[in-house]
Amino acid sequence: MQDRCGAHCRTTGNPCLNFPMQNGRCRMHGGKSTGRPQKHGFYTQNDIVDRMKLSQLIREVNQLASSLTEGRGHM
């Protein structure tokens, strides 16, 4: 016999009879999500720096590509 969720149901007052997930609760009482990832402070600052570096790299690649296409037009 398989275990059941067992959480207290608000509507009936009886234990929940749904099959549990790996965390021991059913999808209605335990949920798959542990919540939004908490990214703040130091991690966010690193992300901002990474995005700035990536933007600069994209600008440089675009400048290089435009200079190559301009040189090709004069031939």
N, C-alpha and C. Protein backbone atom coordinates (compact mmCIF):
# COMPACT_ATOMS: atom_id res chain seq x y z
N MET A 1 0.84 -1.18 0.00
CA MET A 1 0.00 0.00 0.00
C MET A 1 0.89 1.25 0.00
N GLN A 2 0.53 2.21 -0.84
CA GLN A 2 1.35 3.40 -0.99
C GLN A 2 0.93 4.48 0.00
N ASP A 3 1.91 5.29 0.43
CA ASP A 3 1.62 6.39 1.36
C ASP A 3 0.74 7.43 0.68
N ARG A 4 0.12 8.25 1.50
CA ARG A 4 -0.71 9.35 1.01
C ARG A 4 -0.16 10.65 1.55
N CYS A 5 -0.60 11.75 0.98
CA CYS A 5 -0.11 13.07 1.37
C CYS A 5 -0.34 13.32 2.86
N GLY A 6 -1.56 13.20 3.30
CA GLY A 6 -1.87 13.35 4.71
C GLY A 6 -2.07 14.77 5.20
N ALA A 7 -1.93 15.76 4.32
CA ALA A 7 -2.12 17.16 4.73
C ALA A 7 -3.59 17.38 5.11
N HIS A 8 -3.85 18.32 6.00
CA HIS A 8 -5.19 18.63 6.46
C HIS A 8 -5.92 19.41 5.37
N CYS A 9 -7.07 18.90 4.90
CA CYS A 9 -7.86 19.58 3.88
C CYS A 9 -8.77 20.61 4.54
N ARG A 10 -8.79 21.82 4.00
CA ARG A 10 -9.63 22.88 4.58
C ARG A 10 -11.11 22.58 4.40
N THR A 11 -11.46 22.05 3.24
CA THR A 11 -12.89 21.89 2.94
C THR A 11 -13.53 20.75 3.72
N THR A 12 -12.85 19.62 3.84
CA THR A 12 -13.45 18.47 4.50
C THR A 12 -12.94 18.28 5.92
N GLY A 13 -11.76 18.75 6.21
CA GLY A 13 -11.16 18.55 7.53
C GLY A 13 -10.48 17.21 7.67
N ASN A 14 -10.55 16.40 6.62
CA ASN A 14 -9.93 15.08 6.62
C ASN A 14 -8.51 15.17 6.03
N PRO A 15 -7.71 14.14 6.27
CA PRO A 15 -6.39 14.13 5.65
C PRO A 15 -6.51 13.97 4.13
N CYS A 16 -5.59 14.60 3.41
CA CYS A 16 -5.56 14.50 1.95
C CYS A 16 -5.18 13.08 1.56
N LEU A 17 -5.86 12.55 0.55
CA LEU A 17 -5.63 11.17 0.12
C LEU A 17 -4.86 11.07 -1.19
N ASN A 18 -4.34 12.20 -1.70
CA ASN A 18 -3.56 12.17 -2.93
C ASN A 18 -2.21 11.52 -2.69
N PHE A 19 -1.64 10.96 -3.77
CA PHE A 19 -0.33 10.33 -3.67
C PHE A 19 0.75 11.41 -3.55
N PRO A 20 1.74 11.19 -2.70
CA PRO A 20 2.76 12.22 -2.51
C PRO A 20 3.83 12.20 -3.60
N MET A 21 4.51 13.34 -3.74
CA MET A 21 5.68 13.44 -4.61
C MET A 21 6.90 13.05 -3.77
N GLN A 22 8.09 13.29 -4.30
CA GLN A 22 9.30 12.92 -3.58
C GLN A 22 9.46 13.69 -2.27
N ASN A 23 8.91 14.91 -2.21
CA ASN A 23 9.05 15.70 -0.99
C ASN A 23 8.07 15.28 0.11
N GLY A 24 7.21 14.30 -0.18
CA GLY A 24 6.31 13.78 0.85
C GLY A 24 4.92 14.38 0.84
N ARG A 25 4.68 15.42 0.04
CA ARG A 25 3.37 16.06 -0.06
C ARG A 25 2.87 15.96 -1.48
N CYS A 26 1.58 16.09 -1.67
CA CYS A 26 1.02 16.04 -3.02
C CYS A 26 1.27 17.37 -3.73
N ARG A 27 0.91 17.42 -5.00
CA ARG A 27 1.18 18.63 -5.79
C ARG A 27 0.37 19.82 -5.31
N MET A 28 -0.74 19.58 -4.61
CA MET A 28 -1.56 20.68 -4.12
C MET A 28 -1.08 21.20 -2.76
N HIS A 29 -0.52 20.34 -1.95
CA HIS A 29 -0.13 20.74 -0.61
C HIS A 29 1.37 20.93 -0.42
N GLY A 30 2.17 20.41 -1.34
CA GLY A 30 3.61 20.56 -1.19
C GLY A 30 4.22 21.36 -2.31
N GLY A 31 3.65 21.24 -3.48
CA GLY A 31 4.10 21.98 -4.63
C GLY A 31 5.47 21.53 -5.11
N LYS A 32 5.71 21.69 -6.40
CA LYS A 32 7.00 21.34 -6.98
C LYS A 32 8.00 22.46 -6.76
N SER A 33 7.52 23.68 -6.70
CA SER A 33 8.41 24.83 -6.62
C SER A 33 8.82 25.10 -5.18
N THR A 34 10.05 25.50 -5.01
CA THR A 34 10.51 25.92 -3.69
C THR A 34 10.49 27.44 -3.59
N GLY A 35 9.94 28.08 -4.60
CA GLY A 35 9.85 29.53 -4.60
C GLY A 35 10.83 30.14 -5.59
N ARG A 36 10.70 31.42 -5.74
CA ARG A 36 11.57 32.16 -6.65
C ARG A 36 12.99 32.15 -6.14
N PRO A 37 13.99 31.97 -7.02
CA PRO A 37 15.37 32.02 -6.56
C PRO A 37 15.70 33.39 -5.99
N GLN A 38 16.35 33.40 -4.87
CA GLN A 38 16.70 34.66 -4.23
C GLN A 38 18.03 35.16 -4.76
N LYS A 39 17.98 36.09 -5.70
CA LYS A 39 19.20 36.68 -6.25
C LYS A 39 19.19 38.15 -5.86
N HIS A 40 20.14 38.54 -5.09
CA HIS A 40 20.22 39.93 -4.68
C HIS A 40 21.65 40.26 -4.31
N GLY A 41 21.91 41.50 -4.15
CA GLY A 41 23.21 41.95 -3.67
C GLY A 41 24.36 41.56 -4.57
N PHE A 42 25.28 40.79 -4.05
CA PHE A 42 26.52 40.44 -4.74
C PHE A 42 26.25 39.75 -6.06
N TYR A 43 25.30 38.83 -6.11
CA TYR A 43 25.03 38.09 -7.33
C TYR A 43 24.48 39.01 -8.41
N THR A 44 23.59 39.90 -8.04
CA THR A 44 23.02 40.82 -9.01
C THR A 44 24.10 41.74 -9.56
N GLN A 45 25.01 42.20 -8.72
CA GLN A 45 26.10 43.06 -9.18
C GLN A 45 26.95 42.32 -10.20
N ASN A 46 27.23 41.05 -9.96
CA ASN A 46 28.01 40.27 -10.92
C ASN A 46 27.27 40.12 -12.24
N ASP A 47 25.96 39.93 -12.17
CA ASP A 47 25.17 39.80 -13.39
C ASP A 47 25.20 41.09 -14.20
N ILE A 48 25.13 42.23 -13.52
CA ILE A 48 25.17 43.52 -14.20
C ILE A 48 26.51 43.70 -14.90
N VAL A 49 27.59 43.37 -14.23
CA VAL A 49 28.93 43.49 -14.82
C VAL A 49 29.06 42.55 -16.02
N ASP A 50 28.55 41.33 -15.90
CA ASP A 50 28.60 40.38 -17.01
C ASP A 50 27.83 40.91 -18.22
N ARG A 51 26.65 41.48 -17.98
CA ARG A 51 25.86 42.03 -19.08
C ARG A 51 26.56 43.20 -19.74
N MET A 52 27.22 44.04 -18.95
CA MET A 52 27.95 45.18 -19.52
C MET A 52 29.11 44.70 -20.39
N LYS A 53 29.83 43.68 -19.93
CA LYS A 53 30.94 43.13 -20.72
C LYS A 53 30.43 42.52 -22.02
N LEU A 54 29.32 41.79 -21.93
CA LEU A 54 28.74 41.19 -23.11
C LEU A 54 28.27 42.25 -24.11
N SER A 55 27.67 43.32 -23.62
CA SER A 55 27.22 44.40 -24.49
C SER A 55 28.41 45.05 -25.20
N GLN A 56 29.50 45.25 -24.47
CA GLN A 56 30.70 45.83 -25.06
C GLN A 56 31.27 44.91 -26.14
N LEU A 57 31.30 43.62 -25.87
CA LEU A 57 31.79 42.65 -26.85
C LEU A 57 30.92 42.65 -28.11
N ILE A 58 29.61 42.74 -27.94
CA ILE A 58 28.70 42.79 -29.09
C ILE A 58 28.95 44.05 -29.90
N ARG A 59 29.15 45.19 -29.23
CA ARG A 59 29.45 46.44 -29.95
C ARG A 59 30.73 46.30 -30.77
N GLU A 60 31.77 45.70 -30.17
CA GLU A 60 33.04 45.53 -30.88
C GLU A 60 32.88 44.62 -32.09
N VAL A 61 32.12 43.53 -31.93
CA VAL A 61 31.90 42.62 -33.05
C VAL A 61 31.13 43.33 -34.16
N ASN A 62 30.12 44.12 -33.81
CA ASN A 62 29.35 44.85 -34.81
C ASN A 62 30.22 45.87 -35.54
N GLN A 63 31.11 46.57 -34.82
CA GLN A 63 32.02 47.52 -35.45
C GLN A 63 32.96 46.81 -36.41
N LEU A 64 33.48 45.67 -36.00
CA LEU A 64 34.37 44.90 -36.86
C LEU A 64 33.64 44.42 -38.11
N ALA A 65 32.43 43.94 -37.94
CA ALA A 65 31.64 43.47 -39.09
C ALA A 65 31.34 44.62 -40.04
N SER A 66 31.00 45.78 -39.52
CA SER A 66 30.69 46.92 -40.41
C SER A 66 31.95 47.41 -41.12
N SER A 67 33.10 47.38 -40.45
CA SER A 67 34.34 47.80 -41.12
C SER A 67 34.73 46.81 -42.21
N LEU A 68 34.44 45.52 -42.02
CA LEU A 68 34.73 44.54 -43.06
C LEU A 68 33.81 44.71 -44.26
N THR A 69 32.54 45.00 -44.03
CA THR A 69 31.62 45.18 -45.15
C THR A 69 31.90 46.48 -45.88
N GLU A 70 32.37 47.52 -45.19
CA GLU A 70 32.73 48.79 -45.84
C GLU A 70 33.96 48.59 -46.72
N GLY A 71 34.92 47.81 -46.26
CA GLY A 71 36.11 47.55 -47.05
C GLY A 71 35.82 46.74 -48.28
N ARG A 72 34.84 45.90 -48.24
CA ARG A 72 34.47 45.06 -49.36
C ARG A 72 33.79 45.88 -50.46
N GLY A 73 33.09 46.94 -50.08
CA GLY A 73 32.37 47.77 -51.05
C GLY A 73 33.30 48.61 -51.92
N HIS A 74 34.53 48.90 -51.49
CA HIS A 74 35.45 49.75 -52.24
C HIS A 74 36.24 48.95 -53.28
N MET A 75 36.12 47.66 -53.32
CA MET A 75 36.91 46.85 -54.27
C MET A 75 36.40 46.98 -55.62
